[in-house]
């Protein structure tokens, strides 16, 4: 009888471990790249924002469906924030498949995402180089001119 209970205990422990390992593998590590001359501000699921300087990148763990809030700011030295672009993307994280949702949903089942070419993701590129990645590419935006310094004493 005791051997039987040890067998059941081992079975339940193995099942719990397999379930835990399955949950751990249900997320993806993806990157956000800043390939522009602007400052990229990223917030995941309403969390604290991170700032990416030009030419840098950061890793994000996508582990459940959620959102990415992205803002592009002009590089200023006055401390004043000048946002030139702002958007939000929804993402999906299902098992080992993570991707940014965008574009029309009309032909998804028959032709796949992005078929009509009406994505509207500029100045960002999404799901490239990998599904779930976001790239702020080179683009031009009008930044406000810095305030003139007063020469009066």
Protein backbone atom coordinates (compact mmCIF):
# COMPACT_ATOMS: atom_id res chain seq x y z
CA UNK A 1 0.00 0.00 0.00
CA UNK A 2 2.80 2.38 0.80
CA UNK A 3 4.47 1.74 -2.56
CA UNK A 4 1.18 2.66 -4.26
CA UNK A 5 1.00 6.04 -2.48
CA UNK A 6 4.63 6.81 -3.41
CA UNK A 7 3.81 6.06 -7.03
CA UNK A 8 0.82 8.43 -6.95
CA UNK A 9 2.92 11.13 -5.25
CA UNK A 10 5.59 10.81 -7.93
CA UNK A 11 2.93 10.97 -10.65
CA UNK A 12 1.36 14.15 -9.26
CA UNK A 13 4.78 15.76 -8.76
CA UNK A 14 5.72 14.96 -12.37
CA UNK A 15 2.38 16.34 -13.63
CA UNK A 16 2.82 19.54 -11.62
CA UNK A 17 6.38 19.94 -12.89
CA UNK A 18 5.28 19.36 -16.49
CA UNK A 19 2.52 21.97 -16.07
CA UNK A 20 4.95 24.46 -14.57
CA UNK A 21 7.49 23.85 -17.34
CA UNK A 22 4.73 24.26 -19.92
CA UNK A 23 3.79 27.63 -18.45
CA UNK A 24 7.43 28.73 -18.40
CA UNK A 25 7.81 27.99 -22.09
CA UNK A 26 4.64 29.91 -22.97
CA UNK A 27 6.44 33.22 -23.48
CA UNK A 28 8.84 34.83 -25.91
CA UNK A 29 11.79 37.14 -25.50
CA UNK A 30 11.53 39.84 -28.17
CA UNK A 31 13.35 43.11 -28.88
CA UNK A 32 12.47 46.75 -29.46
CA UNK A 33 15.04 48.57 -31.62
CA UNK A 34 15.64 52.30 -31.95
CA UNK A 35 17.28 52.93 -35.33
CA UNK A 36 16.38 56.60 -35.43
CA UNK A 37 17.84 59.87 -34.19
CA UNK A 38 14.99 60.26 -31.67
CA UNK A 39 14.31 58.90 -28.19
CA UNK A 40 11.96 55.92 -28.07
CA UNK A 41 9.84 55.49 -24.93
CA UNK A 42 8.29 52.03 -24.44
CA UNK A 43 5.78 50.86 -21.85
CA UNK A 44 4.48 47.31 -21.71
CA UNK A 45 0.98 46.64 -20.34
CA UNK A 46 0.83 50.03 -18.59
CA UNK A 47 4.06 49.37 -16.68
CA UNK A 48 6.89 51.80 -16.10
CA UNK A 49 8.34 53.30 -19.28
CA UNK A 50 11.86 52.71 -20.52
CA UNK A 51 13.74 55.15 -22.76
CA UNK A 52 15.89 53.96 -25.63
CA UNK A 53 18.52 56.29 -27.02
CA UNK A 54 19.31 56.33 -30.73
CA UNK A 55 20.99 53.12 -31.86
CA UNK A 56 19.99 51.06 -28.81
CA UNK A 57 17.57 48.21 -28.15
CA UNK A 58 15.87 46.47 -25.24
CA UNK A 59 14.46 43.01 -24.61
CA UNK A 60 10.82 42.47 -23.70
CA UNK A 61 9.23 39.29 -22.40
CA UNK A 62 5.86 38.69 -24.03
CA UNK A 63 4.10 36.13 -21.86
CA UNK A 64 0.39 36.87 -22.30
CA UNK A 65 -1.77 39.00 -24.58
CA UNK A 66 -1.10 42.65 -23.87
CA UNK A 67 -0.19 46.07 -25.24
CA UNK A 68 2.89 48.10 -26.04
CA UNK A 69 2.69 51.88 -25.75
CA UNK A 70 5.32 53.59 -27.90
CA UNK A 71 6.27 57.25 -27.97
CA UNK A 72 8.90 59.06 -30.01
CA UNK A 73 10.46 62.18 -28.52
CA UNK A 74 12.78 64.80 -29.90
CA UNK A 75 16.20 64.81 -28.28
CA UNK A 76 16.27 68.00 -26.26
CA UNK A 77 18.66 69.21 -23.64
CA UNK A 78 16.21 71.48 -21.88
CA UNK A 79 14.37 68.61 -20.19
CA UNK A 80 11.15 69.53 -21.99
CA UNK A 81 9.46 66.63 -23.70
CA UNK A 82 8.42 67.05 -27.33
CA UNK A 83 6.52 63.96 -28.52
CA UNK A 84 6.38 63.66 -32.32
CA UNK A 85 4.72 60.23 -32.61
CA UNK A 86 2.69 58.03 -30.31
CA UNK A 87 0.95 54.70 -30.89
CA UNK A 88 -0.20 51.54 -29.17
CA UNK A 89 0.04 47.99 -30.49
CA UNK A 90 -1.65 44.88 -29.14
CA UNK A 91 0.38 41.71 -29.04
CA UNK A 92 -0.38 38.03 -28.67
CA UNK A 93 1.74 35.47 -26.86
CA UNK A 94 0.39 31.98 -27.40
CA UNK A 95 2.75 29.14 -26.45
CA UNK A 96 5.86 29.88 -28.50
CA UNK A 97 4.15 32.20 -31.01
CA UNK A 98 4.43 35.90 -30.21
CA UNK A 99 3.41 38.61 -32.66
CA UNK A 100 2.15 42.18 -32.90
CA UNK A 101 -1.43 42.52 -34.13
CA UNK A 102 -1.98 45.17 -36.79
CA UNK A 103 -3.84 45.84 -39.98
CA UNK A 104 -7.30 44.79 -41.01
CA UNK A 105 -8.75 41.56 -39.66
CA UNK A 106 -11.05 40.99 -42.65
CA UNK A 107 -8.94 38.50 -44.66
CA UNK A 108 -6.93 37.00 -41.78
CA UNK A 109 -8.40 33.51 -42.00
CA UNK A 110 -8.04 33.26 -45.80
CA UNK A 111 -4.96 35.33 -46.68
CA UNK A 112 -3.14 36.17 -43.44
CA UNK A 113 -2.34 39.43 -41.71
CA UNK A 114 -1.30 42.53 -43.62
CA UNK A 115 -2.69 41.42 -46.98
CA UNK A 116 -4.29 44.75 -47.91
CA UNK A 117 -1.24 46.86 -47.09
CA UNK A 118 -3.18 49.21 -44.81
CA UNK A 119 -1.17 48.59 -41.68
CA UNK A 120 -0.63 52.19 -40.60
CA UNK A 121 2.38 51.38 -38.40
CA UNK A 122 4.67 54.22 -39.53
CA UNK A 123 7.23 55.20 -38.27
CA UNK A 124 7.45 51.69 -36.74
CA UNK A 125 8.07 48.35 -38.38
CA UNK A 126 6.48 45.46 -36.51
CA UNK A 127 7.06 41.70 -36.59
CA UNK A 128 10.44 42.21 -38.23
CA UNK A 129 13.17 40.88 -38.04
CA UNK A 130 11.21 38.34 -35.90
CA UNK A 131 7.54 38.01 -35.03
CA UNK A 132 6.94 40.23 -32.00
CA UNK A 133 9.85 42.62 -32.63
CA UNK A 134 9.32 46.37 -33.07
CA UNK A 135 11.71 48.71 -34.90
CA UNK A 136 11.64 52.50 -34.93
CA UNK A 137 13.36 53.15 -38.23
CA UNK A 138 14.94 56.26 -39.63
CA UNK A 139 12.33 58.94 -40.30
CA UNK A 140 12.00 62.71 -40.29
CA UNK A 141 9.86 64.66 -37.86
CA UNK A 142 9.65 68.34 -37.10
CA UNK A 143 11.07 68.98 -33.66
CA UNK A 144 10.38 72.30 -31.99
CA UNK A 145 13.28 74.71 -32.10
CA UNK A 146 15.02 75.21 -28.76
CA UNK A 147 14.18 78.43 -26.98
CA UNK A 148 16.66 81.22 -27.60
CA UNK A 149 18.96 82.02 -24.73
CA UNK A 150 18.53 85.42 -23.22
CA UNK A 151 21.70 87.49 -23.37
CA UNK A 152 20.43 90.01 -20.86
CA UNK A 153 22.21 90.04 -17.55
